[in-house]
Amino acid sequence: WGHTLADLPVWGKALNGLFMSVTARTAGFNTVDHASAADSSNFVTILLMSVGGSPGSTAGGLKTTTVAVIALLALARLRGRPVTSVRFRTLPEETVQRAVGLAVVGFVVVTGAILLFSVVQLEPLGPAPHGSFLPYAFEVVSAFNTVGLSMGVTGELTVPGKLLTIVLMYVGRVGPLTVAAAIALADAGSRDGFRYAQEDVIIG
């Protein structure tokens, strides 16, 4: 508010803030330079980029319904309820499991890609200067969720960094659909009533 948007009137600040929060979902348009934005603003943008559009859209990232199902699951478990419900309806267990599976796979891919980016981009330069990690994390999340935003480091990517970006964009667009289909097929093949003996573990 008092940094990147400081020279704008109040209505301009509000409008730009709203636009940048919406375009982070997948559009890739920007009205401000993310390289000049505060780290806190860019981190919030990373969180927004991690949530795509609704099912049926061309947006990447986790769909809004997937995130909603995970939030409802967490709320149900905190309340001690065995099923996930909303508005007097219970969500099928298969749907809840697919949502959790997609979220876990997405988290693992993004986390691993950030680690690889830090290896191929930062380590060849020697000790990383302060604040140099966030732009590459921003780049990874943007590529995986097919957003198109950048903090200005895209042109500085090494060849391995460019290849990793290409793979992330492809996996981010096709991967979630493939994972969801694989989980659905696995569920369909395991509905014969067979199950192993139950064993509990302590968590927390």
N, C-alpha and C. Protein backbone atom coordinates (compact mmCIF):
# COMPACT_ATOMS: atom_id res chain seq x y z
N TRP A 1 0.83 -1.20 0.00
CA TRP A 1 0.00 0.00 0.00
C TRP A 1 0.87 1.25 0.00
N GLY A 2 1.91 1.26 0.82
CA GLY A 2 2.77 2.42 0.88
C GLY A 2 4.10 2.21 0.19
N HIS A 3 4.20 1.19 -0.64
CA HIS A 3 5.47 0.85 -1.30
C HIS A 3 5.31 0.86 -2.82
N THR A 4 4.94 -0.25 -3.40
CA THR A 4 4.79 -0.34 -4.84
C THR A 4 3.65 0.52 -5.36
N LEU A 5 2.56 0.63 -4.58
CA LEU A 5 1.39 1.40 -5.00
C LEU A 5 1.34 2.79 -4.38
N ALA A 6 2.46 3.24 -3.83
CA ALA A 6 2.47 4.49 -3.06
C ALA A 6 2.07 5.70 -3.89
N ASP A 7 2.40 5.73 -5.19
CA ASP A 7 2.13 6.90 -6.01
C ASP A 7 0.72 6.94 -6.57
N LEU A 8 -0.08 5.92 -6.29
CA LEU A 8 -1.43 5.85 -6.84
C LEU A 8 -2.45 6.42 -5.86
N PRO A 9 -3.57 6.93 -6.36
CA PRO A 9 -4.63 7.36 -5.44
C PRO A 9 -5.24 6.15 -4.74
N VAL A 10 -6.07 6.41 -3.75
CA VAL A 10 -6.64 5.33 -2.95
C VAL A 10 -7.41 4.34 -3.83
N TRP A 11 -8.25 4.88 -4.74
CA TRP A 11 -9.03 3.98 -5.60
C TRP A 11 -8.11 3.18 -6.53
N GLY A 12 -6.99 3.80 -6.96
CA GLY A 12 -6.04 3.09 -7.81
C GLY A 12 -5.32 1.97 -7.07
N LYS A 13 -5.00 2.22 -5.80
CA LYS A 13 -4.38 1.18 -4.98
C LYS A 13 -5.32 -0.01 -4.81
N ALA A 14 -6.57 0.28 -4.48
CA ALA A 14 -7.55 -0.78 -4.27
C ALA A 14 -7.79 -1.57 -5.55
N LEU A 15 -7.91 -0.86 -6.67
CA LEU A 15 -8.18 -1.52 -7.95
C LEU A 15 -7.00 -2.39 -8.38
N ASN A 16 -5.78 -1.87 -8.24
CA ASN A 16 -4.60 -2.65 -8.60
C ASN A 16 -4.41 -3.85 -7.68
N GLY A 17 -4.66 -3.66 -6.40
CA GLY A 17 -4.56 -4.77 -5.47
C GLY A 17 -5.55 -5.88 -5.80
N LEU A 18 -6.78 -5.47 -6.12
CA LEU A 18 -7.80 -6.46 -6.49
C LEU A 18 -7.42 -7.16 -7.79
N PHE A 19 -6.97 -6.40 -8.78
CA PHE A 19 -6.60 -7.00 -10.06
C PHE A 19 -5.45 -7.98 -9.91
N MET A 20 -4.43 -7.61 -9.15
CA MET A 20 -3.27 -8.49 -9.00
C MET A 20 -3.60 -9.75 -8.20
N SER A 21 -4.58 -9.66 -7.31
CA SER A 21 -4.98 -10.86 -6.56
C SER A 21 -5.78 -11.80 -7.44
N VAL A 22 -6.54 -11.25 -8.39
CA VAL A 22 -7.34 -12.09 -9.28
C VAL A 22 -6.49 -12.68 -10.40
N THR A 23 -5.61 -11.88 -10.98
CA THR A 23 -4.80 -12.35 -12.11
C THR A 23 -3.78 -13.40 -11.67
N ALA A 24 -3.48 -13.46 -10.38
CA ALA A 24 -2.55 -14.48 -9.89
C ALA A 24 -3.13 -15.88 -9.99
N ARG A 25 -4.42 -15.98 -10.24
CA ARG A 25 -5.06 -17.29 -10.32
C ARG A 25 -4.61 -18.03 -11.57
N THR A 26 -4.40 -17.34 -12.69
CA THR A 26 -3.88 -18.00 -13.89
C THR A 26 -3.69 -17.07 -15.07
N ALA A 27 -4.21 -15.84 -15.02
CA ALA A 27 -4.20 -14.96 -16.19
C ALA A 27 -2.79 -14.55 -16.61
N GLY A 28 -1.95 -14.20 -15.64
CA GLY A 28 -0.58 -13.83 -15.96
C GLY A 28 -0.38 -12.38 -16.32
N PHE A 29 -1.40 -11.56 -16.22
CA PHE A 29 -1.24 -10.12 -16.48
C PHE A 29 -0.77 -9.44 -15.20
N ASN A 30 0.01 -8.37 -15.35
CA ASN A 30 0.42 -7.64 -14.16
C ASN A 30 0.45 -6.15 -14.46
N THR A 31 0.01 -5.38 -13.47
CA THR A 31 0.01 -3.92 -13.59
C THR A 31 1.10 -3.29 -12.74
N VAL A 32 1.77 -4.08 -11.92
CA VAL A 32 2.90 -3.61 -11.13
C VAL A 32 4.06 -4.56 -11.31
N ASP A 33 5.25 -4.08 -11.04
CA ASP A 33 6.45 -4.89 -11.16
C ASP A 33 6.64 -5.70 -9.89
N HIS A 34 6.53 -7.03 -10.01
CA HIS A 34 6.68 -7.87 -8.83
C HIS A 34 8.09 -7.80 -8.24
N ALA A 35 9.06 -7.47 -9.06
CA ALA A 35 10.43 -7.37 -8.56
C ALA A 35 10.57 -6.22 -7.56
N SER A 36 9.72 -5.21 -7.68
CA SER A 36 9.79 -4.07 -6.78
C SER A 36 8.82 -4.18 -5.62
N ALA A 37 8.00 -5.22 -5.62
CA ALA A 37 7.03 -5.40 -4.54
C ALA A 37 7.71 -5.96 -3.30
N ALA A 38 7.09 -5.80 -2.16
CA ALA A 38 7.63 -6.31 -0.91
C ALA A 38 7.59 -7.83 -0.90
N ASP A 39 8.49 -8.44 -0.13
CA ASP A 39 8.52 -9.90 -0.04
C ASP A 39 7.19 -10.45 0.47
N SER A 40 6.58 -9.75 1.40
CA SER A 40 5.30 -10.22 1.94
C SER A 40 4.23 -10.25 0.85
N SER A 41 4.22 -9.24 -0.01
CA SER A 41 3.26 -9.20 -1.11
C SER A 41 3.50 -10.33 -2.09
N ASN A 42 4.75 -10.58 -2.42
CA ASN A 42 5.07 -11.66 -3.35
C ASN A 42 4.77 -13.02 -2.75
N PHE A 43 4.95 -13.17 -1.45
CA PHE A 43 4.63 -14.44 -0.81
C PHE A 43 3.13 -14.69 -0.84
N VAL A 44 2.34 -13.64 -0.60
CA VAL A 44 0.88 -13.79 -0.70
C VAL A 44 0.49 -14.14 -2.13
N THR A 45 1.19 -13.55 -3.11
CA THR A 45 0.92 -13.89 -4.51
C THR A 45 1.23 -15.35 -4.79
N ILE A 46 2.30 -15.88 -4.20
CA ILE A 46 2.61 -17.31 -4.34
C ILE A 46 1.46 -18.16 -3.82
N LEU A 47 0.91 -17.78 -2.67
CA LEU A 47 -0.21 -18.52 -2.12
C LEU A 47 -1.43 -18.45 -3.04
N LEU A 48 -1.67 -17.27 -3.60
CA LEU A 48 -2.81 -17.11 -4.51
C LEU A 48 -2.60 -17.90 -5.80
N MET A 49 -1.35 -17.95 -6.29
CA MET A 49 -1.08 -18.69 -7.51
C MET A 49 -1.27 -20.20 -7.32
N SER A 50 -1.15 -20.65 -6.08
CA SER A 50 -1.28 -22.08 -5.82
C SER A 50 -2.71 -22.56 -5.95
N VAL A 51 -3.66 -21.63 -5.97
CA VAL A 51 -5.07 -21.99 -6.14
C VAL A 51 -5.52 -21.52 -7.51
N GLY A 52 -5.89 -22.45 -8.36
CA GLY A 52 -6.31 -22.08 -9.71
C GLY A 52 -7.77 -21.69 -9.78
N GLY A 53 -8.38 -21.93 -10.92
CA GLY A 53 -9.78 -21.60 -11.11
C GLY A 53 -10.68 -22.75 -10.67
N SER A 54 -11.91 -22.69 -11.11
CA SER A 54 -12.87 -23.73 -10.77
C SER A 54 -12.82 -24.85 -11.80
N PRO A 55 -13.37 -26.02 -11.49
CA PRO A 55 -13.34 -27.15 -12.43
C PRO A 55 -13.98 -26.77 -13.77
N GLY A 56 -13.38 -27.27 -14.84
CA GLY A 56 -13.87 -26.95 -16.18
C GLY A 56 -13.17 -25.77 -16.80
N SER A 57 -12.41 -25.00 -16.01
CA SER A 57 -11.68 -23.86 -16.55
C SER A 57 -10.31 -24.31 -17.04
N THR A 58 -9.63 -23.42 -17.73
CA THR A 58 -8.27 -23.72 -18.21
C THR A 58 -7.21 -23.31 -17.20
N ALA A 59 -7.63 -22.90 -16.01
CA ALA A 59 -6.68 -22.48 -14.99
C ALA A 59 -5.87 -23.66 -14.48
N GLY A 60 -4.62 -23.39 -14.14
CA GLY A 60 -3.78 -24.42 -13.57
C GLY A 60 -3.90 -24.43 -12.05
N GLY A 61 -3.02 -25.19 -11.41
CA GLY A 61 -3.02 -25.23 -9.96
C GLY A 61 -4.16 -26.07 -9.41
N LEU A 62 -4.23 -26.13 -8.10
CA LEU A 62 -5.33 -26.84 -7.45
C LEU A 62 -6.62 -26.07 -7.70
N LYS A 63 -7.67 -26.77 -8.04
CA LYS A 63 -8.94 -26.12 -8.29
C LYS A 63 -9.54 -25.60 -6.97
N THR A 64 -10.41 -24.64 -7.10
CA THR A 64 -11.03 -24.05 -5.91
C THR A 64 -11.80 -25.10 -5.11
N THR A 65 -12.43 -26.03 -5.81
CA THR A 65 -13.18 -27.07 -5.11
C THR A 65 -12.25 -28.00 -4.35
N THR A 66 -11.06 -28.28 -4.91
CA THR A 66 -10.09 -29.14 -4.22
C THR A 66 -9.66 -28.51 -2.91
N VAL A 67 -9.33 -27.22 -2.96
CA VAL A 67 -8.92 -26.51 -1.75
C VAL A 67 -10.06 -26.45 -0.75
N ALA A 68 -11.29 -26.25 -1.25
CA ALA A 68 -12.45 -26.20 -0.35
C ALA A 68 -12.68 -27.53 0.33
N VAL A 69 -12.53 -28.63 -0.41
CA VAL A 69 -12.72 -29.96 0.17
C VAL A 69 -11.68 -30.23 1.25
N ILE A 70 -10.42 -29.83 1.00
CA ILE A 70 -9.37 -30.04 1.99
C ILE A 70 -9.65 -29.21 3.25
N ALA A 71 -10.11 -27.98 3.06
CA ALA A 71 -10.45 -27.13 4.21
C ALA A 71 -11.61 -27.73 5.00
N LEU A 72 -12.62 -28.24 4.29
CA LEU A 72 -13.76 -28.86 4.98
C LEU A 72 -13.33 -30.14 5.71
N LEU A 73 -12.40 -30.89 5.10
CA LEU A 73 -11.88 -32.09 5.75
C LEU A 73 -11.17 -31.74 7.04
N ALA A 74 -10.31 -30.71 6.99
CA ALA A 74 -9.60 -30.29 8.19
C ALA A 74 -10.56 -29.83 9.27
N LEU A 75 -11.59 -29.08 8.88
CA LEU A 75 -12.59 -28.60 9.85
C LEU A 75 -13.35 -29.76 10.46
N ALA A 76 -13.71 -30.75 9.63
CA ALA A 76 -14.44 -31.91 10.15
C ALA A 76 -13.60 -32.70 11.13
N ARG A 77 -12.31 -32.89 10.81
CA ARG A 77 -11.45 -33.66 11.71
C ARG A 77 -11.21 -32.91 13.02
N LEU A 78 -11.06 -31.58 12.95
CA LEU A 78 -10.87 -30.80 14.17
C LEU A 78 -12.10 -30.88 15.07
N ARG A 79 -13.26 -31.03 14.46
CA ARG A 79 -14.49 -31.16 15.23
C ARG A 79 -14.77 -32.60 15.65
N GLY A 80 -13.89 -33.51 15.24
CA GLY A 80 -14.05 -34.90 15.62
C GLY A 80 -15.10 -35.65 14.82
N ARG A 81 -15.45 -35.15 13.64
CA ARG A 81 -16.46 -35.80 12.82
C ARG A 81 -15.79 -36.78 11.85
N PRO A 82 -16.37 -37.97 11.68
CA PRO A 82 -15.75 -38.98 10.82
C PRO A 82 -15.96 -38.74 9.33
N VAL A 83 -16.93 -37.89 8.97
CA VAL A 83 -17.21 -37.63 7.57
C VAL A 83 -17.09 -36.14 7.30
N THR A 84 -16.92 -35.81 6.02
CA THR A 84 -16.79 -34.41 5.60
C THR A 84 -18.12 -33.94 5.05
N SER A 85 -18.70 -32.94 5.69
CA SER A 85 -20.03 -32.47 5.30
C SER A 85 -20.02 -30.96 5.10
N VAL A 86 -20.97 -30.52 4.26
CA VAL A 86 -21.16 -29.09 4.02
C VAL A 86 -22.59 -28.87 3.56
N ARG A 87 -23.25 -27.89 4.13
CA ARG A 87 -24.62 -27.53 3.76
C ARG A 87 -25.56 -28.75 3.78
N PHE A 88 -25.49 -29.49 4.84
CA PHE A 88 -26.36 -30.65 5.06
C PHE A 88 -26.17 -31.74 4.01
N ARG A 89 -24.97 -31.81 3.44
CA ARG A 89 -24.63 -32.86 2.50
C ARG A 89 -23.26 -33.44 2.89
N THR A 90 -23.08 -34.74 2.69
CA THR A 90 -21.81 -35.41 2.99
C THR A 90 -21.06 -35.66 1.70
N LEU A 91 -19.80 -35.30 1.68
CA LEU A 91 -18.96 -35.52 0.50
C LEU A 91 -18.52 -36.98 0.45
N PRO A 92 -18.52 -37.59 -0.75
CA PRO A 92 -18.04 -38.97 -0.86
C PRO A 92 -16.58 -39.09 -0.44
N GLU A 93 -16.25 -40.19 0.21
CA GLU A 93 -14.88 -40.40 0.69
C GLU A 93 -13.90 -40.44 -0.46
N GLU A 94 -14.33 -40.97 -1.63
CA GLU A 94 -13.45 -41.02 -2.80
C GLU A 94 -13.05 -39.62 -3.25
N THR A 95 -14.00 -38.68 -3.21
CA THR A 95 -13.71 -37.30 -3.60
C THR A 95 -12.73 -36.65 -2.64
N VAL A 96 -12.92 -36.90 -1.35
CA VAL A 96 -12.02 -36.34 -0.34
C VAL A 96 -10.61 -36.89 -0.54
N GLN A 97 -10.51 -38.19 -0.80
CA GLN A 97 -9.20 -38.80 -1.00
C GLN A 97 -8.51 -38.27 -2.24
N ARG A 98 -9.26 -38.03 -3.31
CA ARG A 98 -8.67 -37.47 -4.53
C ARG A 98 -8.14 -36.06 -4.26
N ALA A 99 -8.90 -35.28 -3.52
CA ALA A 99 -8.48 -33.91 -3.21
C ALA A 99 -7.18 -33.91 -2.41
N VAL A 100 -7.12 -34.76 -1.39
CA VAL A 100 -5.91 -34.85 -0.57
C VAL A 100 -4.73 -35.35 -1.41
N GLY A 101 -4.99 -36.34 -2.26
CA GLY A 101 -3.92 -36.88 -3.11
C GLY A 101 -3.36 -35.83 -4.05
N LEU A 102 -4.24 -35.05 -4.68
CA LEU A 102 -3.78 -34.00 -5.58
C LEU A 102 -2.96 -32.95 -4.83
N ALA A 103 -3.41 -32.57 -3.65
CA ALA A 103 -2.70 -31.56 -2.87
C ALA A 103 -1.31 -32.06 -2.47
N VAL A 104 -1.22 -33.32 -2.05
CA VAL A 104 0.07 -33.87 -1.64
C VAL A 104 1.03 -33.95 -2.82
N VAL A 105 0.53 -34.44 -3.96
CA VAL A 105 1.38 -34.54 -5.15
C VAL A 105 1.85 -33.15 -5.58
N GLY A 106 0.95 -32.18 -5.60
CA GLY A 106 1.33 -30.82 -5.98
C GLY A 106 2.36 -30.23 -5.05
N PHE A 107 2.19 -30.46 -3.74
CA PHE A 107 3.15 -29.94 -2.77
C PHE A 107 4.53 -30.57 -2.97
N VAL A 108 4.56 -31.88 -3.19
CA VAL A 108 5.84 -32.57 -3.38
C VAL A 108 6.54 -32.08 -4.64
N VAL A 109 5.79 -31.93 -5.74
CA VAL A 109 6.39 -31.47 -7.00
C VAL A 109 6.95 -30.07 -6.86
N VAL A 110 6.17 -29.16 -6.28
CA VAL A 110 6.62 -27.77 -6.13
C VAL A 110 7.82 -27.68 -5.20
N THR A 111 7.77 -28.38 -4.08
CA THR A 111 8.89 -28.35 -3.13
C THR A 111 10.16 -28.91 -3.75
N GLY A 112 10.03 -30.04 -4.45
CA GLY A 112 11.20 -30.62 -5.13
C GLY A 112 11.74 -29.72 -6.21
N ALA A 113 10.83 -29.05 -6.95
CA ALA A 113 11.27 -28.15 -8.02
C ALA A 113 11.99 -26.93 -7.47
N ILE A 114 11.52 -26.41 -6.33
CA ILE A 114 12.21 -25.27 -5.71
C ILE A 114 13.61 -25.67 -5.29
N LEU A 115 13.75 -26.88 -4.75
CA LEU A 115 15.08 -27.37 -4.39
C LEU A 115 15.97 -27.48 -5.62
N LEU A 116 15.45 -28.04 -6.72
CA LEU A 116 16.24 -28.16 -7.94
C LEU A 116 16.60 -26.79 -8.50
N PHE A 117 15.66 -25.85 -8.44
CA PHE A 117 15.93 -24.50 -8.92
C PHE A 117 17.05 -23.86 -8.12
N SER A 118 17.05 -24.08 -6.80
CA SER A 118 18.11 -23.49 -5.99
C SER A 118 19.46 -24.09 -6.33
N VAL A 119 19.45 -25.35 -6.80
CA VAL A 119 20.70 -25.99 -7.18
C VAL A 119 21.20 -25.48 -8.53
N VAL A 120 20.32 -25.43 -9.54
CA VAL A 120 20.76 -25.07 -10.89
C VAL A 120 20.87 -23.57 -11.09
N GLN A 121 20.23 -22.78 -10.23
CA GLN A 121 20.27 -21.32 -10.42
C GLN A 121 21.16 -20.60 -9.42
N LEU A 122 21.11 -20.99 -8.16
CA LEU A 122 21.81 -20.23 -7.12
C LEU A 122 23.19 -20.77 -6.81
N GLU A 123 23.33 -22.09 -6.72
CA GLU A 123 24.63 -22.65 -6.31
C GLU A 123 25.75 -22.35 -7.28
N PRO A 124 25.52 -22.33 -8.62
CA PRO A 124 26.63 -21.98 -9.52
C PRO A 124 27.14 -20.57 -9.31
N LEU A 125 26.33 -19.70 -8.68
CA LEU A 125 26.73 -18.32 -8.45
C LEU A 125 27.49 -18.13 -7.15
N GLY A 126 27.66 -19.22 -6.40
CA GLY A 126 28.32 -19.11 -5.11
C GLY A 126 27.30 -18.83 -4.02
N PRO A 127 27.74 -18.30 -2.88
CA PRO A 127 26.81 -18.00 -1.80
C PRO A 127 25.70 -17.07 -2.27
N ALA A 128 24.46 -17.49 -2.00
CA ALA A 128 23.31 -16.72 -2.48
C ALA A 128 23.18 -15.41 -1.73
N PRO A 129 23.00 -14.29 -2.46
CA PRO A 129 22.77 -13.02 -1.78
C PRO A 129 21.44 -13.02 -1.06
N HIS A 130 21.31 -12.20 -0.06
CA HIS A 130 20.09 -12.13 0.73
C HIS A 130 18.91 -11.75 -0.17
N GLY A 131 17.83 -12.50 -0.03
CA GLY A 131 16.63 -12.18 -0.79
C GLY A 131 16.59 -12.77 -2.18
N SER A 132 17.55 -13.62 -2.56
CA SER A 132 17.58 -14.15 -3.92
C SER A 132 16.78 -15.43 -4.06
N PHE A 133 16.32 -16.01 -2.94
CA PHE A 133 15.61 -17.28 -3.01
C PHE A 133 14.17 -17.10 -3.46
N LEU A 134 13.49 -16.08 -2.96
CA LEU A 134 12.07 -15.88 -3.24
C LEU A 134 11.75 -15.76 -4.73
N PRO A 135 12.54 -15.04 -5.53
CA PRO A 135 12.21 -14.95 -6.96
C PRO A 135 12.15 -16.31 -7.66
N TYR A 136 12.99 -17.24 -7.26
CA TYR A 136 12.98 -18.56 -7.89
C TYR A 136 11.84 -19.42 -7.37
N ALA A 137 11.50 -19.28 -6.10
CA ALA A 137 10.30 -19.95 -5.60
C ALA A 137 9.06 -19.41 -6.31
N PHE A 138 9.04 -18.11 -6.52
CA PHE A 138 7.95 -17.45 -7.26
C PHE A 138 7.87 -18.01 -8.67
N GLU A 139 9.03 -18.18 -9.31
CA GLU A 139 9.10 -18.69 -10.68
C GLU A 139 8.56 -20.12 -10.76
N VAL A 140 8.92 -20.95 -9.79
CA VAL A 140 8.49 -22.35 -9.78
C VAL A 140 6.97 -22.44 -9.63
N VAL A 141 6.43 -21.75 -8.67
CA VAL A 141 4.98 -21.81 -8.43
C VAL A 141 4.23 -21.25 -9.63
N SER A 142 4.73 -20.18 -10.22
CA SER A 142 4.09 -19.60 -11.39
C SER A 142 4.09 -20.56 -12.57
N ALA A 143 5.21 -21.27 -12.77
CA ALA A 143 5.30 -22.21 -13.88
C ALA A 143 4.40 -23.42 -13.65
N PHE A 144 4.44 -23.98 -12.44
CA PHE A 144 3.66 -25.19 -12.16
C PHE A 144 2.16 -24.92 -12.27
N ASN A 145 1.74 -23.72 -11.87
CA ASN A 145 0.32 -23.38 -11.90
C ASN A 145 -0.07 -22.64 -13.18
N THR A 146 0.85 -22.62 -14.17
CA THR A 146 0.63 -21.99 -15.49
C THR A 146 0.03 -20.59 -15.35
N VAL A 147 0.66 -19.77 -14.49
CA VAL A 147 0.18 -18.42 -14.26
C VAL A 147 0.81 -17.43 -15.24
N GLY A 148 2.14 -17.45 -15.33
CA GLY A 148 2.82 -16.54 -16.25
C GLY A 148 3.40 -15.31 -15.60
N LEU A 149 3.31 -15.18 -14.29
CA LEU A 149 3.91 -14.04 -13.60
C LEU A 149 5.36 -14.35 -13.26
N SER A 150 6.16 -13.30 -13.08
CA SER A 150 7.57 -13.48 -12.75
C SER A 150 8.06 -12.26 -11.99
N MET A 151 9.11 -12.48 -11.21
CA MET A 151 9.76 -11.38 -10.50
C MET A 151 10.96 -10.87 -11.30
N GLY A 152 11.01 -11.22 -12.58
CA GLY A 152 12.03 -10.68 -13.46
C GLY A 152 13.25 -11.55 -13.65
N VAL A 153 13.19 -12.83 -13.24
CA VAL A 153 14.36 -13.69 -13.36
C VAL A 153 14.24 -14.67 -14.53
N THR A 154 13.13 -14.64 -15.25
CA THR A 154 12.93 -15.60 -16.35
C THR A 154 14.03 -15.48 -17.39
N GLY A 155 14.39 -14.27 -17.75
CA GLY A 155 15.44 -14.06 -18.75
C GLY A 155 16.82 -14.45 -18.28
N GLU A 156 17.00 -14.64 -16.97
CA GLU A 156 18.31 -14.99 -16.41
C GLU A 156 18.45 -16.48 -16.15
N LEU A 157 17.45 -17.27 -16.53
CA LEU A 157 17.50 -18.70 -16.23
C LEU A 157 18.60 -19.39 -17.02
N THR A 158 19.25 -20.34 -16.37
CA THR A 158 20.22 -21.18 -17.06
C THR A 158 19.47 -22.19 -17.92
N VAL A 159 20.20 -22.93 -18.75
CA VAL A 159 19.54 -23.94 -19.59
C VAL A 159 18.81 -24.98 -18.74
N PRO A 160 19.44 -25.53 -17.68
CA PRO A 160 18.69 -26.44 -16.81
C PRO A 160 17.46 -25.79 -16.18
N GLY A 161 17.58 -24.50 -15.83
CA GLY A 161 16.45 -23.79 -15.26
C GLY A 161 15.32 -23.64 -16.26
N LYS A 162 15.65 -23.37 -17.51
CA LYS A 162 14.63 -23.26 -18.56
C LYS A 162 13.95 -24.61 -18.80
N LEU A 163 14.74 -25.67 -18.84
CA LEU A 163 14.17 -27.00 -19.05
C LEU A 163 13.26 -27.38 -17.88
N LEU A 164 13.68 -27.06 -16.67
CA LEU A 164 12.86 -27.35 -15.50
C LEU A 164 11.55 -26.56 -15.56
N THR A 165 11.62 -25.32 -16.03
CA THR A 165 10.41 -24.51 -16.16
C THR A 165 9.45 -25.12 -17.17
N ILE A 166 9.99 -25.61 -18.29
CA ILE A 166 9.16 -26.25 -19.30
C ILE A 166 8.46 -27.47 -18.73
N VAL A 167 9.23 -28.30 -18.03
CA VAL A 167 8.66 -29.52 -17.42
C VAL A 167 7.58 -29.15 -16.41
N LEU A 168 7.84 -28.12 -15.61
CA LEU A 168 6.87 -27.71 -14.60
C LEU A 168 5.57 -27.24 -15.25
N MET A 169 5.67 -26.48 -16.33
CA MET A 169 4.47 -26.01 -17.00
C MET A 169 3.66 -27.17 -17.57
N TYR A 170 4.36 -28.15 -18.14
CA TYR A 170 3.67 -29.31 -18.71
C TYR A 170 3.02 -30.16 -17.62
N VAL A 171 3.80 -30.46 -16.58
CA VAL A 171 3.28 -31.28 -15.49
C VAL A 171 2.15 -30.55 -14.77
N GLY A 172 2.30 -29.24 -14.58
CA GLY A 172 1.27 -28.48 -13.89
C GLY A 172 -0.04 -28.43 -14.64
N ARG A 173 0.04 -28.50 -15.97
CA ARG A 173 -1.20 -28.45 -16.77
C ARG A 173 -1.82 -29.82 -16.95
N VAL A 174 -0.99 -30.83 -17.20
CA VAL A 174 -1.50 -32.17 -17.50
C VAL A 174 -1.46 -33.07 -16.26
N GLY A 175 -0.48 -32.86 -15.40
CA GLY A 175 -0.27 -33.75 -14.27
C GLY A 175 -1.45 -33.92 -13.35
N PRO A 176 -2.07 -32.83 -12.83
CA PRO A 176 -3.19 -33.01 -11.91
C PRO A 176 -4.33 -33.84 -12.50
N LEU A 177 -4.62 -33.64 -13.79
CA LEU A 177 -5.67 -34.42 -14.42
C LEU A 177 -5.29 -35.89 -14.46
N THR A 178 -4.02 -36.17 -14.77
CA THR A 178 -3.55 -37.55 -14.83
C THR A 178 -3.58 -38.20 -13.46
N VAL A 179 -3.14 -37.46 -12.44
CA VAL A 179 -3.15 -38.00 -11.07
C VAL A 179 -4.57 -38.28 -10.62
N ALA A 180 -5.49 -37.35 -10.90
CA ALA A 180 -6.89 -37.54 -10.51
C ALA A 180 -7.48 -38.77 -11.19
N ALA A 181 -7.16 -38.94 -12.49
CA ALA A 181 -7.66 -40.11 -13.21
C ALA A 181 -7.07 -41.39 -12.65
N ALA A 182 -5.77 -41.37 -12.31
CA ALA A 182 -5.13 -42.57 -11.76
C ALA A 182 -5.73 -42.95 -10.41
N ILE A 183 -6.00 -41.94 -9.56
CA ILE A 183 -6.61 -42.22 -8.27
C ILE A 183 -8.02 -42.78 -8.44
N ALA A 184 -8.76 -42.20 -9.40
CA ALA A 184 -10.12 -42.68 -9.66
C ALA A 184 -10.11 -44.12 -10.14
N LEU A 185 -9.18 -44.47 -11.04
CA LEU A 185 -9.08 -45.85 -11.53
C LEU A 185 -8.69 -46.80 -10.41
N ALA A 186 -7.78 -46.34 -9.55
CA ALA A 186 -7.37 -47.18 -8.43
C ALA A 186 -8.54 -47.44 -7.49
N ASP A 187 -9.35 -46.40 -7.26
CA ASP A 187 -10.52 -46.57 -6.40
C ASP A 187 -11.53 -47.52 -7.03
N ALA A 188 -11.70 -47.41 -8.36
CA ALA A 188 -12.66 -48.26 -9.05
C ALA A 188 -12.24 -49.72 -9.00
N GLY A 189 -10.93 -49.97 -9.01
CA GLY A 189 -10.45 -51.35 -8.99
C GLY A 189 -10.39 -51.96 -7.61
N SER A 190 -10.65 -51.16 -6.58
CA SER A 190 -10.53 -51.68 -5.22
C SER A 190 -11.86 -51.73 -4.49
N ARG A 191 -12.96 -51.76 -5.24
CA ARG A 191 -14.28 -51.75 -4.62
C ARG A 191 -14.86 -53.16 -4.48
N ASP A 192 -13.99 -54.15 -4.35
CA ASP A 192 -14.47 -55.51 -4.20
C ASP A 192 -14.62 -55.91 -2.73
N GLY A 193 -14.44 -54.95 -1.83
CA GLY A 193 -14.64 -55.23 -0.42
C GLY A 193 -13.42 -55.77 0.29
N PHE A 194 -12.33 -56.01 -0.43
CA PHE A 194 -11.12 -56.57 0.19
C PHE A 194 -10.37 -55.49 0.95
N ARG A 195 -9.88 -55.82 2.12
CA ARG A 195 -9.05 -54.89 2.88
C ARG A 195 -8.16 -55.69 3.82
N TYR A 196 -6.99 -55.11 4.12
CA TYR A 196 -6.06 -55.74 5.04
C TYR A 196 -6.50 -55.50 6.48
N ALA A 197 -5.90 -56.24 7.40
CA ALA A 197 -6.19 -56.06 8.82
C ALA A 197 -5.84 -54.63 9.24
N GLN A 198 -6.63 -54.07 10.10
CA GLN A 198 -6.44 -52.68 10.51
C GLN A 198 -5.37 -52.54 11.58
N GLU A 199 -4.54 -51.53 11.45
CA GLU A 199 -3.50 -51.23 12.44
C GLU A 199 -3.44 -49.73 12.63
N ASP A 200 -3.53 -49.26 13.84
CA ASP A 200 -3.55 -47.84 14.13
C ASP A 200 -2.15 -47.34 14.47
N VAL A 201 -1.93 -46.04 14.30
CA VAL A 201 -0.67 -45.40 14.67
C VAL A 201 -0.98 -44.13 15.44
N ILE A 202 -0.03 -43.70 16.23
CA ILE A 202 -0.18 -42.46 16.99
C ILE A 202 0.28 -41.29 16.13
N ILE A 203 -0.57 -40.28 16.03
CA ILE A 203 -0.20 -39.10 15.26
C ILE A 203 -0.36 -37.88 16.14
N GLY A 204 0.18 -36.73 15.66
CA GLY A 204 0.03 -35.51 16.42
C GLY A 204 1.36 -34.91 16.77
